[in-house]
Amino acid sequence: MKQPGFFDVEERLARLSGLGDQLEAFSRTVDFEAFRPDLEKALAYSDGSKGGRPPFDPLLIPTPVRPDSYVIA
């Protein structure tokens, strides 16, 4: 397997989009930003005053919504 090139990721995402990416369809249908306040409240992130890694964006949650829609062969 060769090393990915500089534009390989962009080309792959463009191809996936052309085939009908389910996550793009979800994003057009569902306003995930509406969930941000509730997610931040539930996750209770610290303010970062003690240092450490910055918290993950709580809106990364839509990523595993439909893992069965992506067939990995």
N, C-alpha and C. Protein backbone atom coordinates (compact mmCIF):
# COMPACT_ATOMS: atom_id res chain seq x y z
N MET A 1 0.85 -1.18 0.00
CA MET A 1 0.00 0.00 0.00
C MET A 1 0.89 1.24 0.00
N LYS A 2 0.64 2.12 -0.92
CA LYS A 2 1.46 3.32 -1.01
C LYS A 2 1.01 4.38 -0.01
N GLN A 3 1.90 5.29 0.26
CA GLN A 3 1.61 6.38 1.18
C GLN A 3 0.62 7.35 0.52
N PRO A 4 -0.40 7.81 1.29
CA PRO A 4 -1.37 8.73 0.70
C PRO A 4 -0.70 10.03 0.25
N GLY A 5 -1.15 10.54 -0.86
CA GLY A 5 -0.64 11.79 -1.39
C GLY A 5 -1.31 12.99 -0.74
N PHE A 6 -0.89 14.16 -1.17
CA PHE A 6 -1.37 15.40 -0.57
C PHE A 6 -2.86 15.62 -0.81
N PHE A 7 -3.35 15.25 -1.98
CA PHE A 7 -4.75 15.50 -2.31
C PHE A 7 -5.63 14.25 -2.22
N ASP A 8 -5.08 13.14 -1.78
CA ASP A 8 -5.85 11.89 -1.72
C ASP A 8 -7.08 12.00 -0.83
N VAL A 9 -6.94 12.65 0.31
CA VAL A 9 -8.08 12.76 1.23
C VAL A 9 -9.18 13.59 0.59
N GLU A 10 -8.81 14.72 -0.02
CA GLU A 10 -9.81 15.57 -0.67
C GLU A 10 -10.51 14.83 -1.80
N GLU A 11 -9.76 14.09 -2.58
CA GLU A 11 -10.35 13.33 -3.69
C GLU A 11 -11.29 12.24 -3.16
N ARG A 12 -10.88 11.59 -2.09
CA ARG A 12 -11.72 10.54 -1.52
C ARG A 12 -13.02 11.11 -0.95
N LEU A 13 -12.92 12.26 -0.27
CA LEU A 13 -14.13 12.89 0.27
C LEU A 13 -15.05 13.37 -0.85
N ALA A 14 -14.46 13.89 -1.93
CA ALA A 14 -15.27 14.33 -3.07
C ALA A 14 -15.98 13.14 -3.70
N ARG A 15 -15.29 12.01 -3.82
CA ARG A 15 -15.91 10.81 -4.38
C ARG A 15 -17.03 10.31 -3.48
N LEU A 16 -16.78 10.30 -2.17
CA LEU A 16 -17.80 9.86 -1.22
C LEU A 16 -19.02 10.77 -1.29
N SER A 17 -18.78 12.07 -1.40
CA SER A 17 -19.87 13.02 -1.51
C SER A 17 -20.68 12.77 -2.78
N GLY A 18 -20.00 12.48 -3.86
CA GLY A 18 -20.68 12.20 -5.11
C GLY A 18 -21.51 10.93 -5.07
N LEU A 19 -21.11 9.98 -4.25
CA LEU A 19 -21.85 8.72 -4.12
C LEU A 19 -23.04 8.83 -3.18
N GLY A 20 -23.13 9.95 -2.45
CA GLY A 20 -24.24 10.15 -1.52
C GLY A 20 -23.84 9.86 -0.09
N ASP A 21 -23.02 10.70 0.50
CA ASP A 21 -22.54 10.54 1.87
C ASP A 21 -23.71 10.69 2.85
N GLN A 22 -23.93 9.67 3.68
CA GLN A 22 -25.04 9.69 4.64
C GLN A 22 -24.87 10.79 5.69
N LEU A 23 -23.65 11.04 6.13
CA LEU A 23 -23.44 12.07 7.14
C LEU A 23 -23.77 13.45 6.59
N GLU A 24 -23.48 13.69 5.32
CA GLU A 24 -23.88 14.96 4.70
C GLU A 24 -25.40 15.08 4.66
N ALA A 25 -26.08 13.99 4.37
CA ALA A 25 -27.55 14.02 4.35
C ALA A 25 -28.09 14.30 5.74
N PHE A 26 -27.50 13.69 6.77
CA PHE A 26 -27.92 13.97 8.15
C PHE A 26 -27.69 15.43 8.49
N SER A 27 -26.55 15.98 8.08
CA SER A 27 -26.23 17.37 8.40
C SER A 27 -27.20 18.34 7.74
N ARG A 28 -27.67 18.00 6.55
CA ARG A 28 -28.66 18.86 5.89
C ARG A 28 -30.02 18.76 6.57
N THR A 29 -30.31 17.62 7.17
CA THR A 29 -31.62 17.38 7.76
C THR A 29 -31.69 17.78 9.22
N VAL A 30 -30.65 17.48 9.98
CA VAL A 30 -30.65 17.70 11.42
C VAL A 30 -29.72 18.85 11.77
N ASP A 31 -30.20 19.78 12.58
CA ASP A 31 -29.37 20.89 13.05
C ASP A 31 -28.64 20.43 14.32
N PHE A 32 -27.43 19.89 14.14
CA PHE A 32 -26.69 19.35 15.28
C PHE A 32 -26.26 20.44 16.26
N GLU A 33 -26.14 21.68 15.79
CA GLU A 33 -25.77 22.79 16.69
C GLU A 33 -26.82 22.99 17.79
N ALA A 34 -28.04 22.59 17.54
CA ALA A 34 -29.09 22.72 18.55
C ALA A 34 -28.80 21.85 19.77
N PHE A 35 -27.99 20.80 19.59
CA PHE A 35 -27.65 19.91 20.69
C PHE A 35 -26.46 20.39 21.51
N ARG A 36 -25.70 21.37 21.00
CA ARG A 36 -24.46 21.81 21.66
C ARG A 36 -24.67 22.21 23.13
N PRO A 37 -25.62 23.09 23.48
CA PRO A 37 -25.76 23.48 24.89
C PRO A 37 -26.02 22.30 25.82
N ASP A 38 -26.90 21.40 25.41
CA ASP A 38 -27.21 20.24 26.25
C ASP A 38 -26.01 19.31 26.38
N LEU A 39 -25.27 19.12 25.29
CA LEU A 39 -24.10 18.25 25.34
C LEU A 39 -23.01 18.84 26.22
N GLU A 40 -22.76 20.15 26.10
CA GLU A 40 -21.73 20.78 26.93
C GLU A 40 -22.11 20.72 28.40
N LYS A 41 -23.39 20.90 28.69
CA LYS A 41 -23.85 20.81 30.07
C LYS A 41 -23.70 19.39 30.61
N ALA A 42 -24.07 18.40 29.81
CA ALA A 42 -23.99 17.00 30.24
C ALA A 42 -22.55 16.52 30.38
N LEU A 43 -21.67 17.00 29.51
CA LEU A 43 -20.28 16.55 29.54
C LEU A 43 -19.47 17.26 30.62
N ALA A 44 -19.93 18.40 31.08
CA ALA A 44 -19.31 19.16 32.18
C ALA A 44 -17.80 19.33 31.99
N TYR A 45 -17.41 19.93 30.88
CA TYR A 45 -16.00 20.20 30.62
C TYR A 45 -15.46 21.19 31.63
N SER A 46 -14.19 21.02 32.02
CA SER A 46 -13.56 21.98 32.91
C SER A 46 -13.23 23.24 32.12
N ASP A 47 -12.92 24.31 32.83
CA ASP A 47 -12.63 25.58 32.15
C ASP A 47 -11.22 25.64 31.60
N GLY A 48 -10.40 24.66 31.87
CA GLY A 48 -9.04 24.62 31.34
C GLY A 48 -8.03 25.41 32.14
N SER A 49 -8.42 25.94 33.29
CA SER A 49 -7.50 26.74 34.09
C SER A 49 -6.36 25.91 34.66
N LYS A 50 -6.54 24.61 34.82
CA LYS A 50 -5.49 23.75 35.36
C LYS A 50 -4.63 23.15 34.26
N GLY A 51 -4.88 23.53 33.03
CA GLY A 51 -4.10 23.00 31.92
C GLY A 51 -4.70 21.71 31.40
N GLY A 52 -3.91 21.00 30.64
CA GLY A 52 -4.37 19.74 30.08
C GLY A 52 -4.82 19.88 28.64
N ARG A 53 -5.26 18.77 28.11
CA ARG A 53 -5.70 18.72 26.72
C ARG A 53 -7.02 19.47 26.57
N PRO A 54 -7.16 20.22 25.48
CA PRO A 54 -8.46 20.86 25.23
C PRO A 54 -9.53 19.79 25.02
N PRO A 55 -10.75 20.08 25.42
CA PRO A 55 -11.81 19.07 25.28
C PRO A 55 -12.17 18.82 23.82
N PHE A 56 -12.69 17.63 23.56
CA PHE A 56 -13.20 17.32 22.24
C PHE A 56 -14.44 18.16 21.98
N ASP A 57 -14.68 18.47 20.72
CA ASP A 57 -15.91 19.16 20.35
C ASP A 57 -17.07 18.20 20.56
N PRO A 58 -18.07 18.59 21.35
CA PRO A 58 -19.17 17.66 21.61
C PRO A 58 -19.97 17.31 20.37
N LEU A 59 -19.82 18.08 19.30
CA LEU A 59 -20.56 17.77 18.08
C LEU A 59 -19.88 16.72 17.23
N LEU A 60 -18.83 16.10 17.74
CA LEU A 60 -18.26 14.94 17.06
C LEU A 60 -19.15 13.72 17.26
N ILE A 61 -20.14 13.86 18.10
CA ILE A 61 -21.05 12.76 18.39
C ILE A 61 -21.81 12.27 17.16
N PRO A 62 -22.20 13.12 16.19
CA PRO A 62 -22.91 12.59 15.02
C PRO A 62 -22.09 11.59 14.20
N THR A 63 -20.80 11.58 14.36
CA THR A 63 -19.96 10.68 13.57
C THR A 63 -20.37 9.22 13.71
N PRO A 64 -20.57 8.68 14.91
CA PRO A 64 -20.96 7.26 15.00
C PRO A 64 -22.47 7.02 14.94
N VAL A 65 -23.25 8.00 14.51
CA VAL A 65 -24.70 7.83 14.50
C VAL A 65 -25.12 6.64 13.67
N ARG A 66 -24.56 6.49 12.48
CA ARG A 66 -24.93 5.41 11.58
C ARG A 66 -23.71 4.67 11.06
N PRO A 67 -22.95 4.01 11.92
CA PRO A 67 -21.77 3.30 11.41
C PRO A 67 -22.12 2.15 10.48
N ASP A 68 -23.35 1.64 10.59
CA ASP A 68 -23.74 0.53 9.73
C ASP A 68 -23.99 0.97 8.29
N SER A 69 -24.07 2.29 8.06
CA SER A 69 -24.31 2.76 6.70
C SER A 69 -23.02 2.79 5.88
N TYR A 70 -21.88 2.61 6.53
CA TYR A 70 -20.61 2.57 5.82
C TYR A 70 -20.11 1.13 5.79
N VAL A 71 -20.10 0.54 4.64
CA VAL A 71 -19.68 -0.85 4.50
C VAL A 71 -18.18 -0.88 4.29
N ILE A 72 -17.48 -1.57 5.17
CA ILE A 72 -16.03 -1.70 5.06
C ILE A 72 -15.74 -3.10 4.56
N ALA A 73 -15.18 -3.18 3.38
CA ALA A 73 -14.91 -4.49 2.79
C ALA A 73 -13.44 -4.84 2.90
